Protein backbone atom coordinates (compact mmCIF):
# COMPACT_ATOMS: atom_id res chain seq x y z
CA MET A 1 -1.22 -15.90 6.12
CA LYS A 2 -1.77 -13.12 3.63
CA ASN A 3 0.22 -12.48 0.46
CA ILE A 4 0.98 -8.75 0.48
CA LEU A 5 2.57 -6.59 -2.21
CA ILE A 6 4.06 -3.25 -1.14
CA THR A 7 4.94 -0.85 -3.95
CA SER A 8 8.04 1.37 -4.07
CA GLY A 9 9.86 -1.55 -2.54
CA THR A 10 13.34 -0.08 -2.86
CA HIS A 11 12.32 2.97 -0.82
CA ALA A 12 13.17 2.90 2.90
CA PHE A 13 9.56 3.75 3.78
CA ALA A 14 8.36 0.52 2.13
CA GLN A 15 10.68 -1.44 4.39
CA ARG A 16 9.34 0.43 7.45
CA VAL A 17 5.77 -0.38 6.45
CA ALA A 18 6.68 -4.06 5.96
CA ARG A 19 8.11 -4.25 9.48
CA THR A 20 4.72 -3.26 10.92
CA LEU A 21 3.00 -6.30 9.39
CA SER A 22 2.68 -9.75 10.90
CA PRO A 23 5.68 -12.04 10.44
CA ALA A 24 3.14 -14.71 9.45
CA ASP A 25 2.26 -12.71 6.32
CA SER A 26 4.18 -13.18 3.10
CA VAL A 27 5.38 -9.71 2.09
CA VAL A 28 6.92 -8.95 -1.29
CA PHE A 29 7.89 -5.67 -2.89
CA GLY A 30 7.39 -4.11 -6.27
CA ASP A 31 8.83 -1.04 -7.91
CA SER A 32 8.23 0.82 -11.13
CA ASN A 33 11.91 1.76 -11.25
CA ALA A 34 14.10 -0.82 -12.95
CA LEU A 35 15.22 -3.53 -10.55
CA PRO A 36 18.39 -5.59 -10.90
CA GLU A 37 17.71 -9.12 -12.13
CA ILE A 38 19.23 -10.61 -8.98
CA MET A 39 16.51 -8.95 -6.86
CA ILE A 40 13.75 -10.29 -9.09
CA LYS A 41 15.19 -13.83 -9.15
CA GLY A 42 15.04 -13.91 -5.35
CA GLY A 43 11.25 -13.82 -5.58
CA LYS A 44 10.81 -10.94 -3.13
CA TYR A 45 10.79 -8.14 -5.73
CA PHE A 46 8.69 -7.52 -8.82
CA ASN A 47 8.92 -5.01 -11.63
CA LEU A 48 5.76 -2.89 -11.68
CA PRO A 49 4.29 -0.74 -14.44
CA LYS A 50 4.80 3.01 -14.27
CA PRO A 51 1.88 4.67 -12.46
CA VAL A 52 1.58 7.21 -15.31
CA SER A 53 0.76 4.37 -17.72
CA THR A 54 -2.88 4.22 -18.80
CA SER A 55 -2.79 0.46 -18.26
CA PHE A 56 -1.21 0.69 -14.78
CA SER A 57 -4.18 -0.66 -12.84
CA HIS A 58 -4.86 -3.49 -15.30
CA GLU A 59 -1.22 -4.58 -15.35
CA LEU A 60 -1.10 -4.48 -11.55
CA LEU A 61 -4.32 -6.49 -11.33
CA SER A 62 -2.87 -9.10 -13.69
CA LEU A 63 0.32 -9.30 -11.59
CA ALA A 64 -1.73 -9.67 -8.41
CA LEU A 65 -3.84 -12.46 -9.88
CA ASP A 66 -0.80 -14.29 -11.28
CA ASN A 67 0.97 -14.18 -7.91
CA ASP A 68 -1.99 -14.62 -5.56
CA PHE A 69 -1.57 -11.25 -3.83
CA GLY A 70 -4.50 -10.69 -1.49
CA ILE A 71 -3.47 -7.19 -0.43
CA ILE A 72 -1.70 -4.39 -2.28
CA ILE A 73 -0.23 -1.47 -0.35
CA PRO A 74 0.64 1.34 -2.78
CA LEU A 75 2.96 4.04 -1.46
CA LYS A 76 3.37 6.56 -4.30
CA LEU A 77 0.71 9.25 -4.38
CA SER A 78 0.21 8.70 -8.11
CA GLU A 79 -0.42 4.98 -7.47
CA ILE A 80 -2.82 5.74 -4.63
CA LYS A 81 -4.88 8.07 -6.81
CA GLN A 82 -5.05 5.63 -9.73
CA LEU A 83 -5.91 2.65 -7.56
CA ALA A 84 -8.52 4.55 -5.54
CA ALA A 85 -10.41 5.05 -8.80
CA CYS A 86 -10.57 1.31 -9.49
CA ARG A 87 -10.48 -0.19 -6.01
CA ASP A 88 -13.83 -1.91 -6.62
CA LEU A 89 -12.41 -3.77 -9.63
CA PHE A 90 -9.69 -5.32 -7.45
CA GLU A 91 -12.26 -6.16 -4.75
CA GLU A 92 -14.27 -8.13 -7.34
CA TYR A 93 -11.26 -10.46 -7.60
CA GLY A 94 -10.79 -10.68 -3.82
CA ILE A 95 -7.80 -8.32 -3.78
CA HIS A 96 -7.80 -5.59 -1.14
CA VAL A 97 -6.04 -2.36 -2.07
CA ALA A 98 -4.99 -0.23 0.91
CA VAL A 99 -6.18 3.10 -0.50
CA PRO A 100 -8.98 5.41 0.57
CA SER A 101 -12.12 5.43 -1.53
CA ILE A 102 -12.14 7.81 -4.47
CA ASN A 103 -14.96 9.73 -2.74
CA THR A 104 -12.84 10.52 0.32
CA LEU A 105 -9.56 11.22 -1.46
CA ASP A 106 -10.15 14.99 -1.59
CA GLU A 107 -10.72 15.28 2.16
CA ILE A 108 -7.52 13.48 3.12
CA ASP A 109 -4.25 15.05 4.23
CA PHE A 110 -1.10 13.26 3.09
CA VAL A 111 2.28 13.34 4.79
CA VAL A 112 4.84 12.95 2.02
CA ASN A 113 8.01 11.04 2.96
CA PRO A 114 7.26 10.78 6.70
CA ALA A 115 10.26 11.02 9.00
CA LYS A 116 11.80 7.87 10.47
CA ASP A 117 10.54 8.60 13.98
CA PHE A 118 6.89 8.34 12.86
CA LEU A 119 5.53 4.82 13.08
CA PRO A 120 3.10 4.09 10.25
CA ALA A 121 0.16 1.72 10.47
CA VAL A 122 -1.72 0.04 7.62
CA PHE A 123 -5.52 0.00 7.69
CA LEU A 124 -8.09 -1.81 5.57
CA ASN A 125 -11.60 -0.38 5.89
CA GLY A 126 -10.70 1.16 9.24
CA LYS A 127 -9.24 -2.00 10.76
CA PRO A 128 -5.52 -2.27 11.52
CA LEU A 129 -3.46 -4.62 9.41
CA SER A 130 -0.29 -3.53 11.21
CA GLN A 131 0.80 -4.89 14.55
CA THR A 132 1.83 -1.40 15.64
CA THR A 133 -1.68 -0.34 16.67
CA ASP A 134 -4.97 -1.75 17.81
CA GLU A 135 -6.76 1.53 17.06
CA THR A 136 -9.56 1.47 14.54
CA ILE A 137 -10.39 4.44 12.35
CA SER A 138 -13.36 5.34 10.19
CA ASP A 139 -14.30 2.35 8.05
CA LYS A 140 -14.18 4.54 4.95
CA TYR A 141 -10.40 4.75 5.26
CA SER A 142 -7.80 2.32 4.00
CA GLY A 143 -4.10 3.01 3.55
CA VAL A 144 -0.85 3.72 5.33
CA CYS A 145 -1.49 6.20 8.11
CA LEU A 146 -0.11 7.99 11.10
CA VAL A 147 -2.61 8.01 13.95
CA SER A 148 -2.39 10.52 16.80
CA ASP A 149 -1.98 9.21 20.34
CA SER A 150 -5.61 10.11 21.03
CA GLY A 151 -6.68 8.22 17.91
CA GLU A 152 -8.69 11.23 16.77
CA GLU A 153 -6.40 12.47 14.02
CA VAL A 154 -5.38 10.40 11.02
CA LEU A 155 -2.85 11.47 8.41
CA PHE A 156 -2.23 9.36 5.36
CA CYS A 157 1.34 8.65 4.27
CA CYS A 158 2.86 8.43 0.83
CA ILE A 159 6.11 8.97 -0.95
CA GLU A 160 6.57 11.32 -3.85
CA GLY A 161 5.63 10.15 -7.26
């Protein structure tokens, strides 16, 4: 069982991504928008720092360590960019962040707010974390992706922000 945090948890896309993961995994959600206290008390939602904050990655690392999150799946483009820059820091603590490496970020195409009929898949270092595919992709890629039927094309997904 893995403890997984998905950001932008109140967005419908976050719920779609969660449904692709194994039911054996413990999935919780976080959001940088204010959450009602009742959602937080339930233990499935966490308030996250704003991705524009200079301390965003350090606050998120602290939250992950305090709550034993082994995997973080960021969905906002601003979160992806910030976390790609410090992915190695999280790895030092045994936390996998589903973002491409900072070196490959410029060569990646992102689909912003993918339509409902597209089925996303989560990859960590090219290996599927989602149950929706058994395809592998280049091991330099991690993140939420759409993979073509042939498996040759990979588009990364994000939501605005």
